[in-house]
Amino acid sequence: MKVGFVSLIGRPNAGKSTLLNRLVGTKLAIVSDKPQTTRNRILGVRNYADAQVVFLDTPGIHRPLHRMNVRMVDAAVDTMREVDVIGLVVDVTEPPGKGDRYVLDLLKNVNAPVFLILNKVDLIKKPKLLPLIQQYAATGMFAEIVPVSAASGDNVDRLERAIIDRLPEGDPLYPADYLTDQPERFFAGEIVREKLLQLTRDEIPFSSAVVVDKFQEPGGGKAILELYCTIVVERESHKPIVLGRRGEMIKRIGIAAREELERFFETRVFLDLHVRVKSEWREDERVLNDLGM
């Protein structure tokens, strides 16, 4: 059978996480309309009748302004040296710019075949797509150019077959029921952060993080998952935004997160949220290590 690793790279908000979720058939990566939502490399395994493909979702490649962002970009770039196929995901609704040229420059020295995955094609008309395909094809960098819609699933099956065709033969790397290498604790924190991103203002997402202080699985007579999390923000002025008037915002975040957590873990969940201010946490090595970055 065919077996191999595929890295999904690209600029922030290109739709890499939505595509990963589509490819593996379940939600592993949180999704929002905020750039730089993905901060960690997320591995997802998909088993086909004739193949096992290990997909790697990566943080968006951008100009890093903080130590956290340096780690994010490094995580994405490092995967390009370790995989059998690289999938460059491009948002076709955004005009190519300096960020795209920077990513293309990074790809010039890779050994793996590079697929250009033109995402969000459901949002533009075909006459606009064809010149873009020709423009990228003229670079001669791509083994395949595949237009898709990760959101609707359009043409993703063609992408899957093209990837499998390029993978080497081998034995499965993971058991048939294996899905990801990330622990449940990681997904708990990510689900809380997703609701924080969805419900708060633009200045909060970049400067916030979620630390899981306690993850107590059901057991010992308790049929409930106990989860205690701290939302970390950089400024005192951010704390009342997250809390909201009379605690209304953090209550909304908690309700939305708990509902998602119960679906994800398929059990009742007790969720306790607190907000803490830590100045310049994005430059703090210890905090970044605690976040698994």
Protein backbone atom coordinates (compact mmCIF):
# COMPACT_ATOMS: atom_id res chain seq x y z
CA MET A 1 0.00 0.00 0.00
CA LYS A 2 0.98 3.64 -0.27
CA VAL A 3 2.19 5.30 2.94
CA GLY A 4 3.60 8.75 3.61
CA PHE A 5 3.53 12.21 5.16
CA VAL A 6 1.93 15.30 3.64
CA SER A 7 2.53 18.80 5.00
CA LEU A 8 -0.10 21.50 4.47
CA ILE A 9 1.63 24.88 4.43
CA GLY A 10 0.72 28.40 3.40
CA ARG A 11 -0.05 31.90 4.58
CA PRO A 12 -2.39 32.54 7.53
CA ASN A 13 -6.10 32.06 6.84
CA ALA A 14 -5.57 30.08 3.64
CA GLY A 15 -7.83 27.31 4.93
CA LYS A 16 -5.25 24.69 5.90
CA SER A 17 -7.08 23.66 9.07
CA THR A 18 -10.42 23.36 7.30
CA LEU A 19 -8.70 21.21 4.69
CA LEU A 20 -7.07 18.99 7.33
CA ASN A 21 -10.44 18.42 8.98
CA ARG A 22 -11.96 17.58 5.60
CA LEU A 23 -9.14 15.17 4.70
CA VAL A 24 -9.17 13.21 7.97
CA GLY A 25 -12.96 13.23 8.21
CA THR A 26 -13.20 14.76 11.68
CA LYS A 27 -12.46 18.05 13.41
CA LEU A 28 -8.89 18.05 14.71
CA ALA A 29 -7.95 21.69 14.12
CA ILE A 30 -9.92 24.65 15.40
CA VAL A 31 -11.15 27.08 12.77
CA SER A 32 -11.87 30.81 12.90
CA ASP A 33 -11.81 33.82 10.60
CA LYS A 34 -8.87 35.25 12.56
CA PRO A 35 -5.37 34.91 11.05
CA GLN A 36 -2.80 32.78 12.92
CA THR A 37 -5.48 30.62 14.54
CA THR A 38 -3.28 27.51 14.23
CA ARG A 39 -0.26 27.74 16.53
CA ASN A 40 0.92 24.13 16.67
CA ARG A 41 1.66 21.43 14.15
CA ILE A 42 -1.32 19.06 14.17
CA LEU A 43 -1.00 15.51 12.84
CA GLY A 44 -3.99 13.66 11.44
CA VAL A 45 -4.00 10.11 10.02
CA ARG A 46 -6.36 9.01 7.26
CA ASN A 47 -6.67 5.37 6.25
CA TYR A 48 -7.80 4.54 2.72
CA ALA A 49 -8.36 1.13 1.15
CA ASP A 50 -4.93 1.29 -0.49
CA ALA A 51 -3.07 3.89 1.56
CA GLN A 52 -2.33 5.44 4.92
CA VAL A 53 -1.69 9.19 4.69
CA VAL A 54 -0.36 11.27 7.58
CA PHE A 55 -1.42 14.89 7.11
CA LEU A 56 0.31 17.72 8.98
CA ASP A 57 -1.53 21.00 9.51
CA THR A 58 0.91 23.83 10.20
CA PRO A 59 0.78 27.44 11.41
CA GLY A 60 0.51 30.07 8.71
CA ILE A 61 3.85 31.34 7.44
CA HIS A 62 4.18 35.07 8.18
CA ARG A 63 6.69 37.65 9.32
CA PRO A 64 7.15 36.87 13.04
CA LEU A 65 6.96 39.75 15.51
CA HIS A 66 7.20 37.74 18.74
CA ARG A 67 9.07 34.69 19.99
CA MET A 68 5.79 32.78 19.82
CA ASN A 69 5.43 33.59 16.12
CA VAL A 70 9.03 32.54 15.45
CA ARG A 71 8.21 29.13 16.92
CA MET A 72 5.03 28.95 14.84
CA VAL A 73 6.80 29.66 11.56
CA ASP A 74 9.67 27.31 12.46
CA ALA A 75 7.12 24.51 13.08
CA ALA A 76 5.74 25.02 9.58
CA VAL A 77 9.09 25.29 7.80
CA ASP A 78 10.56 22.28 9.62
CA THR A 79 7.82 19.97 8.30
CA MET A 80 8.87 20.69 4.70
CA ARG A 81 12.09 18.73 5.27
CA GLU A 82 10.33 15.67 6.73
CA VAL A 83 7.51 14.82 4.33
CA ASP A 84 6.85 12.98 1.09
CA VAL A 85 4.51 15.61 -0.39
CA ILE A 86 4.11 19.32 0.36
CA GLY A 87 0.72 20.93 -0.17
CA LEU A 88 0.91 24.70 -0.57
CA VAL A 89 -2.57 25.98 0.26
CA VAL A 90 -3.44 29.32 -1.36
CA ASP A 91 -6.57 31.39 -0.78
CA VAL A 92 -7.74 32.29 -4.30
CA THR A 93 -9.91 35.14 -2.99
CA GLU A 94 -6.79 37.06 -1.95
CA PRO A 95 -4.49 38.63 -4.58
CA PRO A 96 -0.90 37.24 -4.49
CA GLY A 97 1.50 39.44 -2.55
CA LYS A 98 4.87 39.56 -0.83
CA GLY A 99 3.85 36.87 1.63
CA ASP A 100 3.13 34.44 -1.20
CA ARG A 101 6.49 35.19 -2.84
CA TYR A 102 8.23 34.55 0.48
CA VAL A 103 6.59 31.12 0.77
CA LEU A 104 7.49 30.29 -2.84
CA ASP A 105 11.12 31.18 -2.09
CA LEU A 106 11.10 28.75 0.84
CA LEU A 107 9.95 25.98 -1.50
CA LYS A 108 12.74 26.38 -4.03
CA ASN A 109 15.15 24.09 -2.19
CA VAL A 110 12.79 21.31 -1.05
CA ASN A 111 13.16 17.75 -2.31
CA ALA A 112 9.54 16.61 -1.99
CA PRO A 113 7.04 17.22 -4.81
CA VAL A 114 4.97 20.35 -4.19
CA PHE A 115 1.23 20.45 -4.86
CA LEU A 116 -0.43 23.83 -5.31
CA ILE A 117 -3.83 23.61 -3.62
CA LEU A 118 -5.97 26.54 -4.74
CA ASN A 119 -8.54 26.78 -1.97
CA LYS A 120 -11.91 28.56 -1.69
CA VAL A 121 -12.69 28.18 -5.41
CA ASP A 122 -16.39 28.17 -4.51
CA LEU A 123 -16.04 31.88 -3.69
CA ILE A 124 -14.78 33.10 -7.09
CA LYS A 125 -15.85 32.75 -10.73
CA LYS A 126 -13.96 30.45 -13.10
CA PRO A 127 -12.71 33.25 -15.41
CA LYS A 128 -10.74 34.63 -12.44
CA LEU A 129 -9.32 31.23 -11.53
CA LEU A 130 -7.81 30.29 -14.89
CA PRO A 131 -5.27 33.17 -15.08
CA LEU A 132 -4.17 32.34 -11.53
CA ILE A 133 -3.57 28.71 -12.49
CA GLN A 134 -1.56 29.83 -15.53
CA GLN A 135 0.47 32.27 -13.43
CA TYR A 136 1.48 29.61 -10.92
CA ALA A 137 2.01 26.95 -13.60
CA ALA A 138 4.52 29.25 -15.32
CA THR A 139 6.83 28.99 -12.30
CA GLY A 140 7.39 25.28 -13.04
CA MET A 141 7.50 24.58 -9.30
CA PHE A 142 4.45 22.39 -8.91
CA ALA A 143 3.96 18.68 -9.48
CA GLU A 144 0.19 19.19 -9.40
CA ILE A 145 -2.18 22.16 -9.32
CA VAL A 146 -5.53 21.24 -7.76
CA PRO A 147 -8.39 23.72 -7.22
CA VAL A 148 -10.54 22.75 -4.22
CA SER A 149 -13.03 24.01 -1.72
CA ALA A 150 -12.10 22.69 1.70
CA ALA A 151 -15.35 24.10 3.10
CA SER A 152 -17.67 22.28 0.67
CA GLY A 153 -15.41 19.35 -0.22
CA ASP A 154 -15.43 20.13 -3.95
CA ASN A 155 -12.58 18.34 -5.76
CA VAL A 156 -10.95 17.17 -2.52
CA ASP A 157 -11.29 13.57 -3.71
CA ARG A 158 -9.15 14.41 -6.76
CA LEU A 159 -6.53 15.95 -4.44
CA GLU A 160 -6.51 12.80 -2.31
CA ARG A 161 -5.92 10.50 -5.29
CA ALA A 162 -3.16 12.76 -6.62
CA ILE A 163 -1.43 12.68 -3.24
CA ILE A 164 -1.70 8.90 -2.89
CA ASP A 165 -0.24 8.43 -6.38
CA ARG A 166 2.89 10.31 -5.28
CA LEU A 167 3.48 8.44 -2.03
CA PRO A 168 5.99 5.59 -1.67
CA GLU A 169 4.93 2.04 -0.98
CA GLY A 170 5.33 0.71 2.53
CA ASP A 171 3.74 -0.73 5.64
CA PRO A 172 1.28 1.34 7.72
CA LEU A 173 2.99 3.62 10.23
CA TYR A 174 0.08 3.73 12.67
CA PRO A 175 -2.70 1.35 13.80
CA ALA A 176 -5.95 1.49 11.83
CA ASP A 177 -7.77 3.33 14.64
CA TYR A 178 -4.99 5.92 15.22
CA LEU A 179 -6.04 9.52 14.51
CA THR A 180 -3.56 12.01 15.97
CA ASP A 181 -0.49 12.38 18.17
CA GLN A 182 -1.90 15.29 20.15
CA PRO A 183 -3.18 14.49 23.67
CA GLU A 184 -6.78 15.10 24.73
CA ARG A 185 -5.57 17.92 26.98
CA PHE A 186 -4.38 19.81 23.89
CA PHE A 187 -7.77 19.57 22.19
CA ALA A 188 -9.55 20.73 25.34
CA GLY A 189 -7.50 23.93 25.41
CA GLU A 190 -7.93 24.47 21.67
CA ILE A 191 -11.72 24.17 21.87
CA VAL A 192 -11.84 26.82 24.59
CA ARG A 193 -9.54 29.06 22.52
CA GLU A 194 -11.73 28.60 19.43
CA LYS A 195 -14.75 29.97 21.31
CA LEU A 196 -12.63 32.82 22.67
CA LEU A 197 -11.60 33.69 19.09
CA GLN A 198 -15.16 33.54 17.84
CA LEU A 199 -16.68 35.72 20.54
CA THR A 200 -14.10 38.43 21.31
CA ARG A 201 -12.80 41.48 19.49
CA ASP A 202 -9.93 41.58 17.02
CA GLU A 203 -7.27 42.72 19.53
CA ILE A 204 -7.85 39.74 21.84
CA PRO A 205 -7.05 36.67 19.65
CA PHE A 206 -3.41 37.52 18.91
CA SER A 207 -2.60 38.31 22.53
CA SER A 208 -4.49 35.50 24.24
CA ALA A 209 -3.83 31.87 25.05
CA VAL A 210 -5.55 29.07 26.96
CA VAL A 211 -3.65 27.04 29.54
CA VAL A 212 -5.23 23.81 30.78
CA ASP A 213 -4.53 23.76 34.52
CA LYS A 214 -6.37 20.54 35.29
CA PHE A 215 -7.77 17.76 33.11
CA GLN A 216 -9.55 15.19 35.22
CA GLU A 217 -11.05 12.33 33.22
CA PRO A 218 -14.27 10.62 34.34
CA GLY A 219 -13.63 7.88 36.87
CA GLY A 220 -13.77 7.01 40.55
CA GLY A 221 -17.54 7.16 40.53
CA LYS A 222 -17.67 10.44 38.57
CA ALA A 223 -19.18 10.32 35.09
CA ILE A 224 -17.98 13.82 34.21
CA LEU A 225 -14.83 15.37 32.74
CA GLU A 226 -13.51 18.14 34.99
CA LEU A 227 -11.62 20.84 33.15
CA TYR A 228 -10.00 23.93 34.66
CA CYS A 229 -8.53 26.47 32.23
CA THR A 230 -6.87 29.86 32.42
CA ILE A 231 -7.29 32.38 29.63
CA VAL A 232 -4.06 34.37 29.49
CA VAL A 233 -4.09 37.93 28.13
CA GLU A 234 -1.28 40.47 27.81
CA ARG A 235 -2.87 43.68 29.12
CA GLU A 236 -5.06 44.67 32.04
CA SER A 237 -7.37 46.36 29.54
CA HIS A 238 -8.01 42.99 27.87
CA LYS A 239 -9.24 41.27 31.01
CA PRO A 240 -12.58 43.12 31.27
CA ILE A 241 -13.21 42.45 27.55
CA VAL A 242 -12.89 38.71 28.11
CA LEU A 243 -14.93 38.83 31.30
CA GLY A 244 -17.60 41.13 29.90
CA ARG A 245 -20.15 43.12 31.88
CA ARG A 246 -21.06 41.16 35.00
CA GLY A 247 -19.13 38.20 33.60
CA GLU A 248 -21.45 37.81 30.60
CA MET A 249 -18.70 37.27 27.99
CA ILE A 250 -16.74 34.61 29.85
CA LYS A 251 -20.07 32.89 30.59
CA ARG A 252 -20.85 32.84 26.82
CA ILE A 253 -17.37 31.48 26.08
CA GLY A 254 -17.80 28.82 28.75
CA ILE A 255 -21.24 27.68 27.55
CA ALA A 256 -20.13 27.46 23.90
CA ALA A 257 -16.91 25.67 24.84
CA ARG A 258 -18.63 23.19 27.16
CA GLU A 259 -21.15 22.23 24.47
CA GLU A 260 -18.32 21.60 21.98
CA LEU A 261 -16.26 19.73 24.57
CA GLU A 262 -19.16 17.42 25.38
CA ARG A 263 -19.57 16.60 21.70
CA PHE A 264 -15.84 16.04 21.26
CA PHE A 265 -15.29 13.89 24.34
CA GLU A 266 -18.78 12.31 24.30
CA THR A 267 -19.27 12.85 28.02
CA ARG A 268 -20.56 15.47 30.42
CA VAL A 269 -18.10 18.26 31.12
CA PHE A 270 -17.56 20.60 34.06
CA LEU A 271 -15.64 23.63 32.78
CA ASP A 272 -14.11 26.30 35.01
CA LEU A 273 -12.57 29.37 33.34
CA HIS A 274 -10.39 32.10 34.82
CA VAL A 275 -8.62 35.08 33.25
CA ARG A 276 -5.05 36.03 34.09
CA VAL A 277 -2.92 38.92 32.86
CA LYS A 278 0.69 38.10 31.97
CA SER A 279 2.57 40.89 30.27
CA GLU A 280 4.60 39.91 27.21
CA TRP A 281 3.71 36.22 27.53
CA ARG A 282 4.39 35.73 23.81
CA GLU A 283 8.07 36.33 24.57
CA ASP A 284 8.14 34.02 27.60
CA GLU A 285 9.86 30.71 26.87
CA ARG A 286 8.30 28.99 29.88
CA VAL A 287 4.74 29.94 28.89
CA LEU A 288 5.38 28.88 25.31
CA ASN A 289 6.71 25.53 26.53
CA ASP A 290 3.59 25.07 28.68
CA LEU A 291 1.50 25.67 25.56
CA GLY A 292 3.40 22.93 23.74
CA MET A 293 4.86 25.32 21.18
